Each structure stands twice: as structure tokens, then as C-alpha cells.
Amino acid sequence: RNDGPEYEALNYQWNTLWGYMTPLVYLKATTVRDVQIGVQCATKTKIRCVPRSGGHSYAKNGFGDEDSLIIDLKSMNFINVNKEKMTADIGPGALNGQIMYGGWKEGFLVSQGICPSVGAGGLFQGGGYGHFSRLLGMAADSVIGMEMVDVKGRLNVVSNCSNTDLF
């Protein structure tokens, strides 16, 4: 809830240009099931549900308002590279710097943004303009699919083959 040292740490805001947000509650998700339960709870109680991918947002999109449940995805920060398929499974809480390093360790160059503290959610949903963008496009151009939890808490696979309207 919105008090105490753990809340203050989760709610740290380096940018106060648009004010200081104090969301109602944080849910620290560690699994997809946690996200599903959080979304279902927010829907049933009519509380605004806001995902926070783990990084920062200049516009403070990940902090909601005083009536928001923030689903913090920072703990879901895995990066699994498949060299044979030349793909990577990246968790929503992974930061741009972690993704860059994970790809570099495996010998891959991926078009990404230039700020290492941006979370995967923002990076791959429309961000990711960086040094190699003219050659490789933006990070969003490299997405071949993703998992999404809808407003009812259902897990959906979104790609060119399934839920194409969402992709």
C-alpha cells in the first residue's frame, strides 16, 4: 500500500516535472500468473491497472495515479537467447542495458535504444531508436511475437499468426 519504506523504494521518481505520483498499491509480479491475478483483481474492484516494465518513463506512464494498481514487472527480467533460431525470449522487466549485454555475450547485434535503463515493455512496443536503427530498424521492428494478458486476465500469444489485430 502507499506507505512505508518498501513502497517508497518502488515509487522512486527521479523526474518530478509532471508532479509526484502516489499510486494506491504496487504488485511485485514474478510470474505471468501474478500478472493475471493482478489484472483480474483490478478489473473486479474497478481500480485502474498500470503495468510498469521495470525501466523509466519520461512521461511517468508507469506510475498511474492515486487510484491505480501498479503491476511492477522488474523481477521478470530474463533473457534467453536461442542461437539456432536466432531469436531471444525476453522478459518484460529486462532493461535495455541487460538486453544489449545478453545479446552481445551470445554474439548478436540488436537494434535498440541508447538509454540502458529503459524497460523491455516500452522498448519493444514502439521505442528503441538507437545507434544501429538506420541499419537494423528500431527495436520494435524486431518483435516476432509476445505474450499479453488481457483485461479478463487471459494470457494471449500475439504475433503475425495469432491475434494479428493486436500485433
N, C-alpha and C. Protein backbone atom coordinates (compact mmCIF):
# COMPACT_ATOMS: atom_id res chain seq x y z
N ARG A 1 0.83 -1.20 0.00
CA ARG A 1 0.00 0.00 0.00
C ARG A 1 0.87 1.25 0.00
N ASN A 2 0.27 2.38 -0.16
CA ASN A 2 1.06 3.58 -0.39
C ASN A 2 1.66 4.22 0.87
N ASP A 3 2.43 3.42 1.61
CA ASP A 3 3.21 3.96 2.72
C ASP A 3 4.33 2.98 3.07
N GLY A 4 5.31 3.46 3.78
CA GLY A 4 6.40 2.60 4.24
C GLY A 4 7.61 2.62 3.31
N PRO A 5 8.73 2.10 3.80
CA PRO A 5 9.99 2.15 3.05
C PRO A 5 9.98 1.31 1.76
N GLU A 6 9.30 0.16 1.76
CA GLU A 6 9.26 -0.65 0.53
C GLU A 6 8.47 0.07 -0.56
N TYR A 7 7.37 0.70 -0.16
CA TYR A 7 6.58 1.48 -1.12
C TYR A 7 7.42 2.63 -1.67
N GLU A 8 8.11 3.33 -0.79
CA GLU A 8 8.94 4.47 -1.22
C GLU A 8 10.00 4.03 -2.22
N ALA A 9 10.62 2.87 -1.99
CA ALA A 9 11.63 2.36 -2.92
C ALA A 9 11.01 2.03 -4.29
N LEU A 10 9.85 1.38 -4.29
CA LEU A 10 9.17 1.05 -5.54
C LEU A 10 8.69 2.29 -6.27
N ASN A 11 8.34 3.31 -5.52
CA ASN A 11 7.74 4.51 -6.09
C ASN A 11 8.76 5.64 -6.33
N TYR A 12 10.05 5.31 -6.32
CA TYR A 12 11.07 6.33 -6.56
C TYR A 12 10.87 6.98 -7.92
N GLN A 13 10.83 8.31 -7.94
CA GLN A 13 10.60 9.07 -9.17
C GLN A 13 11.68 10.13 -9.31
N TRP A 14 12.59 9.90 -10.23
CA TRP A 14 13.67 10.87 -10.43
C TRP A 14 13.16 12.10 -11.17
N ASN A 15 12.11 11.97 -11.92
CA ASN A 15 11.57 13.07 -12.71
C ASN A 15 10.27 13.56 -12.06
N THR A 16 10.27 14.77 -11.54
CA THR A 16 9.05 15.32 -10.92
C THR A 16 8.45 16.45 -11.76
N LEU A 17 8.86 16.52 -13.03
CA LEU A 17 8.35 17.56 -13.92
C LEU A 17 6.82 17.53 -14.01
N TRP A 18 6.22 16.33 -14.01
CA TRP A 18 4.76 16.20 -14.09
C TRP A 18 4.15 15.90 -12.73
N GLY A 19 4.82 16.29 -11.67
CA GLY A 19 4.33 16.06 -10.33
C GLY A 19 4.85 14.76 -9.74
N TYR A 20 4.43 14.46 -8.54
CA TYR A 20 4.83 13.24 -7.85
C TYR A 20 3.61 12.35 -7.72
N MET A 21 3.66 11.19 -8.31
CA MET A 21 2.53 10.27 -8.33
C MET A 21 2.57 9.37 -7.09
N THR A 22 1.41 9.10 -6.53
CA THR A 22 1.31 8.19 -5.38
C THR A 22 0.23 7.14 -5.66
N PRO A 23 0.61 6.09 -6.41
CA PRO A 23 -0.36 5.03 -6.71
C PRO A 23 -0.89 4.38 -5.44
N LEU A 24 -2.07 3.81 -5.54
CA LEU A 24 -2.72 3.17 -4.41
C LEU A 24 -1.91 1.99 -3.89
N VAL A 25 -1.46 1.12 -4.82
CA VAL A 25 -0.78 -0.11 -4.40
C VAL A 25 0.13 -0.62 -5.52
N TYR A 26 1.18 -1.31 -5.12
CA TYR A 26 2.08 -1.99 -6.06
C TYR A 26 1.92 -3.49 -5.90
N LEU A 27 1.98 -4.20 -7.02
CA LEU A 27 2.06 -5.65 -7.02
C LEU A 27 3.38 -6.01 -7.69
N LYS A 28 4.27 -6.65 -6.95
CA LYS A 28 5.56 -7.07 -7.50
C LYS A 28 5.38 -8.45 -8.12
N ALA A 29 5.19 -8.47 -9.43
CA ALA A 29 4.94 -9.72 -10.15
C ALA A 29 6.25 -10.45 -10.42
N THR A 30 6.23 -11.77 -10.22
CA THR A 30 7.39 -12.59 -10.54
C THR A 30 7.05 -13.64 -11.60
N THR A 31 5.77 -13.83 -11.87
CA THR A 31 5.32 -14.79 -12.88
C THR A 31 4.16 -14.20 -13.68
N VAL A 32 3.88 -14.83 -14.80
CA VAL A 32 2.72 -14.42 -15.60
C VAL A 32 1.44 -14.57 -14.79
N ARG A 33 1.37 -15.62 -13.98
CA ARG A 33 0.18 -15.85 -13.14
C ARG A 33 -0.05 -14.67 -12.19
N ASP A 34 1.02 -14.11 -11.63
CA ASP A 34 0.88 -12.92 -10.78
C ASP A 34 0.24 -11.77 -11.54
N VAL A 35 0.67 -11.59 -12.78
CA VAL A 35 0.11 -10.52 -13.62
C VAL A 35 -1.37 -10.78 -13.86
N GLN A 36 -1.71 -12.03 -14.19
CA GLN A 36 -3.11 -12.37 -14.45
C GLN A 36 -3.98 -12.09 -13.23
N ILE A 37 -3.52 -12.49 -12.05
CA ILE A 37 -4.28 -12.27 -10.82
C ILE A 37 -4.42 -10.77 -10.55
N GLY A 38 -3.35 -10.02 -10.75
CA GLY A 38 -3.41 -8.56 -10.55
C GLY A 38 -4.41 -7.89 -11.46
N VAL A 39 -4.42 -8.28 -12.72
CA VAL A 39 -5.36 -7.70 -13.69
C VAL A 39 -6.79 -8.07 -13.32
N GLN A 40 -7.02 -9.33 -12.96
CA GLN A 40 -8.37 -9.76 -12.57
C GLN A 40 -8.85 -8.99 -11.33
N CYS A 41 -7.97 -8.83 -10.36
CA CYS A 41 -8.32 -8.11 -9.13
C CYS A 41 -8.66 -6.65 -9.44
N ALA A 42 -7.83 -6.01 -10.26
CA ALA A 42 -8.08 -4.61 -10.61
C ALA A 42 -9.39 -4.47 -11.37
N THR A 43 -9.67 -5.40 -12.27
CA THR A 43 -10.91 -5.34 -13.04
C THR A 43 -12.13 -5.50 -12.13
N LYS A 44 -12.07 -6.47 -11.22
CA LYS A 44 -13.21 -6.71 -10.32
C LYS A 44 -13.45 -5.55 -9.36
N THR A 45 -12.39 -4.90 -8.92
CA THR A 45 -12.54 -3.80 -7.96
C THR A 45 -12.62 -2.43 -8.63
N LYS A 46 -12.56 -2.44 -9.97
CA LYS A 46 -12.66 -1.20 -10.76
C LYS A 46 -11.54 -0.21 -10.42
N ILE A 47 -10.35 -0.76 -10.20
CA ILE A 47 -9.16 0.06 -9.97
C ILE A 47 -8.36 0.08 -11.26
N ARG A 48 -7.82 1.22 -11.60
CA ARG A 48 -7.01 1.33 -12.81
C ARG A 48 -5.77 0.46 -12.66
N CYS A 49 -5.46 -0.34 -13.68
CA CYS A 49 -4.32 -1.25 -13.67
C CYS A 49 -3.26 -0.71 -14.62
N VAL A 50 -2.04 -0.52 -14.11
CA VAL A 50 -0.96 0.04 -14.91
C VAL A 50 0.26 -0.87 -14.84
N PRO A 51 0.73 -1.38 -15.99
CA PRO A 51 1.94 -2.20 -15.97
C PRO A 51 3.17 -1.30 -15.93
N ARG A 52 4.18 -1.71 -15.20
CA ARG A 52 5.46 -0.98 -15.22
C ARG A 52 6.55 -1.99 -15.53
N SER A 53 7.18 -1.75 -16.65
CA SER A 53 8.11 -2.73 -17.21
C SER A 53 9.46 -2.80 -16.49
N GLY A 54 9.74 -1.90 -15.63
CA GLY A 54 10.99 -2.00 -14.88
C GLY A 54 11.93 -0.86 -15.12
N GLY A 55 11.76 -0.17 -16.21
CA GLY A 55 12.65 0.94 -16.53
C GLY A 55 12.06 2.27 -16.11
N HIS A 56 12.33 3.27 -16.91
CA HIS A 56 11.81 4.60 -16.59
C HIS A 56 10.89 5.07 -17.72
N SER A 57 10.16 6.14 -17.44
CA SER A 57 9.29 6.74 -18.43
C SER A 57 9.33 8.25 -18.21
N TYR A 58 9.76 8.97 -19.23
CA TYR A 58 9.82 10.42 -19.10
C TYR A 58 8.45 11.00 -18.78
N ALA A 59 7.40 10.41 -19.36
CA ALA A 59 6.04 10.90 -19.15
C ALA A 59 5.37 10.29 -17.92
N LYS A 60 6.10 9.44 -17.20
CA LYS A 60 5.61 8.80 -15.97
C LYS A 60 4.41 7.90 -16.21
N ASN A 61 4.37 7.23 -17.36
CA ASN A 61 3.26 6.34 -17.68
C ASN A 61 3.16 5.16 -16.74
N GLY A 62 4.25 4.73 -16.14
CA GLY A 62 4.25 3.57 -15.27
C GLY A 62 3.91 3.84 -13.82
N PHE A 63 3.46 5.06 -13.50
CA PHE A 63 3.13 5.39 -12.12
C PHE A 63 1.64 5.60 -11.87
N GLY A 64 0.83 5.62 -12.93
CA GLY A 64 -0.61 5.74 -12.76
C GLY A 64 -1.01 6.99 -12.00
N ASP A 65 -1.99 6.83 -11.11
CA ASP A 65 -2.46 7.93 -10.27
C ASP A 65 -2.81 7.37 -8.89
N GLU A 66 -3.46 8.16 -8.06
CA GLU A 66 -3.74 7.72 -6.68
C GLU A 66 -4.75 6.58 -6.58
N ASP A 67 -5.41 6.25 -7.68
CA ASP A 67 -6.37 5.14 -7.70
C ASP A 67 -5.88 3.98 -8.56
N SER A 68 -4.56 3.80 -8.67
CA SER A 68 -4.00 2.79 -9.56
C SER A 68 -3.34 1.64 -8.83
N LEU A 69 -3.46 0.46 -9.43
CA LEU A 69 -2.69 -0.71 -9.05
C LEU A 69 -1.55 -0.80 -10.06
N ILE A 70 -0.32 -0.67 -9.60
CA ILE A 70 0.83 -0.76 -10.48
C ILE A 70 1.35 -2.19 -10.42
N ILE A 71 1.39 -2.85 -11.57
CA ILE A 71 1.98 -4.19 -11.64
C ILE A 71 3.42 -4.02 -12.07
N ASP A 72 4.32 -4.16 -11.10
CA ASP A 72 5.75 -3.97 -11.33
C ASP A 72 6.34 -5.27 -11.87
N LEU A 73 6.90 -5.23 -13.07
CA LEU A 73 7.40 -6.41 -13.76
C LEU A 73 8.92 -6.54 -13.67
N LYS A 74 9.55 -5.71 -12.87
CA LYS A 74 11.01 -5.67 -12.80
C LYS A 74 11.63 -7.02 -12.49
N SER A 75 10.98 -7.86 -11.69
CA SER A 75 11.54 -9.17 -11.34
C SER A 75 11.48 -10.17 -12.49
N MET A 76 10.72 -9.86 -13.51
CA MET A 76 10.60 -10.76 -14.67
C MET A 76 11.60 -10.30 -15.74
N ASN A 77 12.88 -10.39 -15.40
CA ASN A 77 13.92 -9.79 -16.24
C ASN A 77 14.86 -10.82 -16.88
N PHE A 78 14.30 -11.85 -17.45
CA PHE A 78 15.11 -12.91 -18.06
C PHE A 78 15.42 -12.60 -19.52
N ILE A 79 16.51 -13.18 -20.00
CA ILE A 79 16.90 -13.10 -21.40
C ILE A 79 17.42 -14.47 -21.80
N ASN A 80 16.71 -15.17 -22.68
CA ASN A 80 17.11 -16.49 -23.14
C ASN A 80 17.32 -16.44 -24.65
N VAL A 81 18.57 -16.57 -25.07
CA VAL A 81 18.92 -16.50 -26.49
C VAL A 81 18.95 -17.90 -27.08
N ASN A 82 18.32 -18.06 -28.25
CA ASN A 82 18.34 -19.31 -29.00
C ASN A 82 19.18 -19.06 -30.26
N LYS A 83 20.44 -19.49 -30.23
CA LYS A 83 21.36 -19.23 -31.35
C LYS A 83 20.91 -19.91 -32.64
N GLU A 84 20.35 -21.13 -32.54
CA GLU A 84 19.93 -21.85 -33.73
C GLU A 84 18.81 -21.11 -34.47
N LYS A 85 17.84 -20.62 -33.75
CA LYS A 85 16.72 -19.91 -34.36
C LYS A 85 17.00 -18.41 -34.54
N MET A 86 18.09 -17.94 -33.94
CA MET A 86 18.45 -16.52 -33.94
C MET A 86 17.32 -15.67 -33.36
N THR A 87 16.79 -16.13 -32.22
CA THR A 87 15.74 -15.42 -31.51
C THR A 87 16.10 -15.29 -30.04
N ALA A 88 15.36 -14.50 -29.35
CA ALA A 88 15.55 -14.36 -27.91
C ALA A 88 14.19 -14.22 -27.24
N ASP A 89 14.04 -14.87 -26.10
CA ASP A 89 12.85 -14.73 -25.26
C ASP A 89 13.26 -13.76 -24.16
N ILE A 90 12.60 -12.62 -24.10
CA ILE A 90 12.99 -11.55 -23.19
C ILE A 90 11.83 -11.21 -22.27
N GLY A 91 12.09 -11.20 -20.98
CA GLY A 91 11.06 -10.87 -20.00
C GLY A 91 10.73 -9.39 -20.02
N PRO A 92 9.51 -9.04 -19.63
CA PRO A 92 9.07 -7.64 -19.68
C PRO A 92 9.83 -6.72 -18.72
N GLY A 93 10.48 -7.28 -17.72
CA GLY A 93 11.21 -6.45 -16.77
C GLY A 93 12.68 -6.26 -17.12
N ALA A 94 13.14 -6.89 -18.19
CA ALA A 94 14.54 -6.72 -18.60
C ALA A 94 14.77 -5.28 -19.06
N LEU A 95 15.90 -4.75 -18.69
CA LEU A 95 16.25 -3.39 -19.09
C LEU A 95 17.08 -3.42 -20.37
N ASN A 96 17.04 -2.34 -21.11
CA ASN A 96 17.74 -2.23 -22.37
C ASN A 96 19.22 -2.62 -22.23
N GLY A 97 19.88 -2.14 -21.20
CA GLY A 97 21.30 -2.46 -20.99
C GLY A 97 21.52 -3.95 -20.79
N GLN A 98 20.63 -4.60 -20.04
CA GLN A 98 20.72 -6.05 -19.84
C GLN A 98 20.51 -6.80 -21.15
N ILE A 99 19.58 -6.32 -21.95
CA ILE A 99 19.29 -6.96 -23.24
C ILE A 99 20.49 -6.80 -24.18
N MET A 100 21.05 -5.60 -24.22
CA MET A 100 22.24 -5.36 -25.05
C MET A 100 23.36 -6.30 -24.66
N TYR A 101 23.63 -6.40 -23.37
CA TYR A 101 24.72 -7.24 -22.88
C TYR A 101 24.44 -8.72 -23.14
N GLY A 102 23.21 -9.15 -22.89
CA GLY A 102 22.84 -10.54 -23.14
C GLY A 102 23.01 -10.92 -24.61
N GLY A 103 22.63 -10.04 -25.52
CA GLY A 103 22.82 -10.30 -26.94
C GLY A 103 24.29 -10.28 -27.32
N TRP A 104 25.02 -9.33 -26.81
CA TRP A 104 26.45 -9.22 -27.10
C TRP A 104 27.21 -10.47 -26.65
N LYS A 105 26.87 -10.99 -25.46
CA LYS A 105 27.52 -12.20 -24.95
C LYS A 105 27.32 -13.38 -25.89
N GLU A 106 26.18 -13.41 -26.56
CA GLU A 106 25.86 -14.51 -27.46
C GLU A 106 26.23 -14.21 -28.91
N GLY A 107 26.85 -13.04 -29.15
CA GLY A 107 27.30 -12.70 -30.49
C GLY A 107 26.25 -12.07 -31.39
N PHE A 108 25.22 -11.47 -30.80
CA PHE A 108 24.14 -10.87 -31.58
C PHE A 108 24.15 -9.35 -31.46
N LEU A 109 23.83 -8.69 -32.55
CA LEU A 109 23.65 -7.25 -32.56
C LEU A 109 22.17 -7.00 -32.79
N VAL A 110 21.56 -6.28 -31.89
CA VAL A 110 20.14 -6.00 -31.98
C VAL A 110 19.95 -4.49 -31.98
N SER A 111 19.06 -4.01 -32.83
CA SER A 111 18.75 -2.59 -32.83
C SER A 111 18.03 -2.24 -31.54
N GLN A 112 18.56 -1.27 -30.82
CA GLN A 112 17.96 -0.88 -29.54
C GLN A 112 18.09 0.60 -29.32
N GLY A 113 17.48 1.06 -28.26
CA GLY A 113 17.61 2.45 -27.88
C GLY A 113 18.98 2.72 -27.28
N ILE A 114 19.23 3.95 -26.94
CA ILE A 114 20.54 4.31 -26.41
C ILE A 114 20.56 4.41 -24.89
N CYS A 115 19.40 4.40 -24.26
CA CYS A 115 19.34 4.53 -22.81
C CYS A 115 19.26 3.15 -22.17
N PRO A 116 20.25 2.77 -21.35
CA PRO A 116 20.27 1.42 -20.79
C PRO A 116 19.18 1.14 -19.76
N SER A 117 18.52 2.15 -19.21
CA SER A 117 17.56 1.92 -18.14
C SER A 117 16.11 1.86 -18.60
N VAL A 118 15.88 1.79 -19.90
CA VAL A 118 14.51 1.65 -20.41
C VAL A 118 14.11 0.18 -20.32
N GLY A 119 12.90 -0.10 -19.88
CA GLY A 119 12.40 -1.47 -19.76
C GLY A 119 11.95 -2.03 -21.09
N ALA A 120 11.94 -3.36 -21.18
CA ALA A 120 11.58 -4.05 -22.42
C ALA A 120 10.18 -3.69 -22.91
N GLY A 121 9.25 -3.47 -21.99
CA GLY A 121 7.89 -3.14 -22.40
C GLY A 121 7.83 -1.93 -23.30
N GLY A 122 8.44 -0.86 -22.91
CA GLY A 122 8.47 0.36 -23.73
C GLY A 122 9.39 0.23 -24.92
N LEU A 123 10.50 -0.44 -24.71
CA LEU A 123 11.50 -0.61 -25.77
C LEU A 123 10.91 -1.31 -26.99
N PHE A 124 10.21 -2.41 -26.77
CA PHE A 124 9.72 -3.22 -27.89
C PHE A 124 8.31 -2.87 -28.35
N GLN A 125 7.61 -2.01 -27.64
CA GLN A 125 6.26 -1.65 -28.08
C GLN A 125 6.23 -0.37 -28.88
N GLY A 126 7.36 0.16 -29.21
CA GLY A 126 7.35 1.37 -30.03
C GLY A 126 8.60 2.21 -29.86
N GLY A 127 9.47 1.80 -28.97
CA GLY A 127 10.71 2.55 -28.77
C GLY A 127 11.87 1.83 -29.41
N GLY A 128 13.03 2.20 -28.99
CA GLY A 128 14.21 1.51 -29.44
C GLY A 128 14.91 2.15 -30.62
N TYR A 129 14.89 3.46 -30.69
CA TYR A 129 15.67 4.14 -31.72
C TYR A 129 17.07 4.35 -31.16
N GLY A 130 18.06 3.85 -31.86
CA GLY A 130 19.42 3.93 -31.35
C GLY A 130 20.46 4.05 -32.44
N HIS A 131 21.70 3.73 -32.10
CA HIS A 131 22.84 3.91 -32.99
C HIS A 131 22.76 3.05 -34.26
N PHE A 132 22.13 1.89 -34.19
CA PHE A 132 22.06 1.00 -35.35
C PHE A 132 20.70 1.01 -36.03
N SER A 133 19.86 1.97 -35.72
CA SER A 133 18.50 1.99 -36.26
C SER A 133 18.45 2.18 -37.77
N ARG A 134 19.36 2.96 -38.32
CA ARG A 134 19.34 3.13 -39.78
C ARG A 134 19.67 1.83 -40.50
N LEU A 135 20.51 1.03 -39.89
CA LEU A 135 20.90 -0.25 -40.48
C LEU A 135 19.89 -1.36 -40.19
N LEU A 136 19.40 -1.43 -38.94
CA LEU A 136 18.58 -2.56 -38.49
C LEU A 136 17.12 -2.21 -38.16
N GLY A 137 16.76 -0.94 -38.21
CA GLY A 137 15.43 -0.52 -37.81
C GLY A 137 15.37 -0.28 -36.31
N MET A 138 14.18 -0.08 -35.79
CA MET A 138 14.00 0.13 -34.36
C MET A 138 13.83 -1.22 -33.66
N ALA A 139 13.96 -1.23 -32.36
CA ALA A 139 13.79 -2.47 -31.59
C ALA A 139 12.40 -3.07 -31.85
N ALA A 140 11.40 -2.24 -31.97
CA ALA A 140 10.03 -2.71 -32.21
C ALA A 140 9.93 -3.48 -33.53
N ASP A 141 10.79 -3.17 -34.49
CA ASP A 141 10.77 -3.86 -35.79
C ASP A 141 11.25 -5.30 -35.69
N SER A 142 11.92 -5.65 -34.61
CA SER A 142 12.48 -6.99 -34.45
C SER A 142 11.54 -7.96 -33.74
N VAL A 143 10.42 -7.46 -33.25
CA VAL A 143 9.49 -8.31 -32.49
C VAL A 143 8.77 -9.26 -33.43
N ILE A 144 8.83 -10.57 -33.10
CA ILE A 144 8.11 -11.56 -33.91
C ILE A 144 6.90 -12.12 -33.16
N GLY A 145 6.77 -11.79 -31.89
CA GLY A 145 5.63 -12.23 -31.10
C GLY A 145 5.80 -11.84 -29.65
N MET A 146 4.71 -11.85 -28.93
CA MET A 146 4.76 -11.55 -27.50
C MET A 146 3.56 -12.15 -26.80
N GLU A 147 3.67 -12.26 -25.49
CA GLU A 147 2.54 -12.69 -24.67
C GLU A 147 1.90 -11.45 -24.06
N MET A 148 0.58 -11.48 -23.97
CA MET A 148 -0.15 -10.34 -23.44
C MET A 148 -1.27 -10.83 -22.54
N VAL A 149 -1.43 -10.21 -21.41
CA VAL A 149 -2.55 -10.51 -20.52
C VAL A 149 -3.63 -9.48 -20.82
N ASP A 150 -4.84 -9.98 -21.15
CA ASP A 150 -5.92 -9.05 -21.47
C ASP A 150 -6.66 -8.61 -20.21
N VAL A 151 -7.69 -7.81 -20.37
CA VAL A 151 -8.41 -7.21 -19.25
C VAL A 151 -9.13 -8.26 -18.40
N LYS A 152 -9.37 -9.43 -18.95
CA LYS A 152 -10.00 -10.51 -18.18
C LYS A 152 -8.98 -11.42 -17.51
N GLY A 153 -7.70 -11.12 -17.70
CA GLY A 153 -6.65 -11.92 -17.09
C GLY A 153 -6.23 -13.12 -17.91
N ARG A 154 -6.66 -13.19 -19.17
CA ARG A 154 -6.28 -14.31 -20.02
C ARG A 154 -4.94 -14.03 -20.69
N LEU A 155 -4.12 -15.08 -20.80
CA LEU A 155 -2.84 -14.96 -21.48
C LEU A 155 -3.04 -15.20 -22.97
N ASN A 156 -2.62 -14.26 -23.79
CA ASN A 156 -2.76 -14.35 -25.24
C ASN A 156 -1.38 -14.31 -25.89
N VAL A 157 -1.18 -15.11 -26.93
CA VAL A 157 0.02 -15.02 -27.74
C VAL A 157 -0.32 -14.12 -28.91
N VAL A 158 0.50 -13.11 -29.12
CA VAL A 158 0.26 -12.10 -30.14
C VAL A 158 1.41 -12.17 -31.15
N SER A 159 1.08 -12.38 -32.43
CA SER A 159 2.10 -12.47 -33.48
C SER A 159 1.44 -12.27 -34.83
N ASN A 160 2.21 -12.53 -35.91
CA ASN A 160 1.64 -12.48 -37.27
C ASN A 160 0.64 -13.60 -37.51
N CYS A 161 0.70 -14.65 -36.67
CA CYS A 161 -0.16 -15.83 -36.86
C CYS A 161 -1.35 -15.88 -35.90
N SER A 162 -1.25 -15.26 -34.74
CA SER A 162 -2.34 -15.31 -33.77
C SER A 162 -2.57 -13.93 -33.17
N ASN A 163 -3.83 -13.58 -33.03
CA ASN A 163 -4.21 -12.25 -32.54
C ASN A 163 -3.52 -11.15 -33.35
N THR A 164 -3.62 -11.30 -34.66
CA THR A 164 -2.91 -10.39 -35.56
C THR A 164 -3.39 -8.93 -35.42
N ASP A 165 -4.63 -8.75 -35.02
CA ASP A 165 -5.15 -7.39 -34.83
C ASP A 165 -4.42 -6.69 -33.68
N LEU A 166 -4.00 -7.42 -32.68
CA LEU A 166 -3.26 -6.85 -31.57
C LEU A 166 -1.79 -6.66 -31.91
N PHE A 167 -1.27 -7.54 -32.77
CA PHE A 167 0.13 -7.45 -33.16
C PHE A 167 0.37 -6.24 -34.01
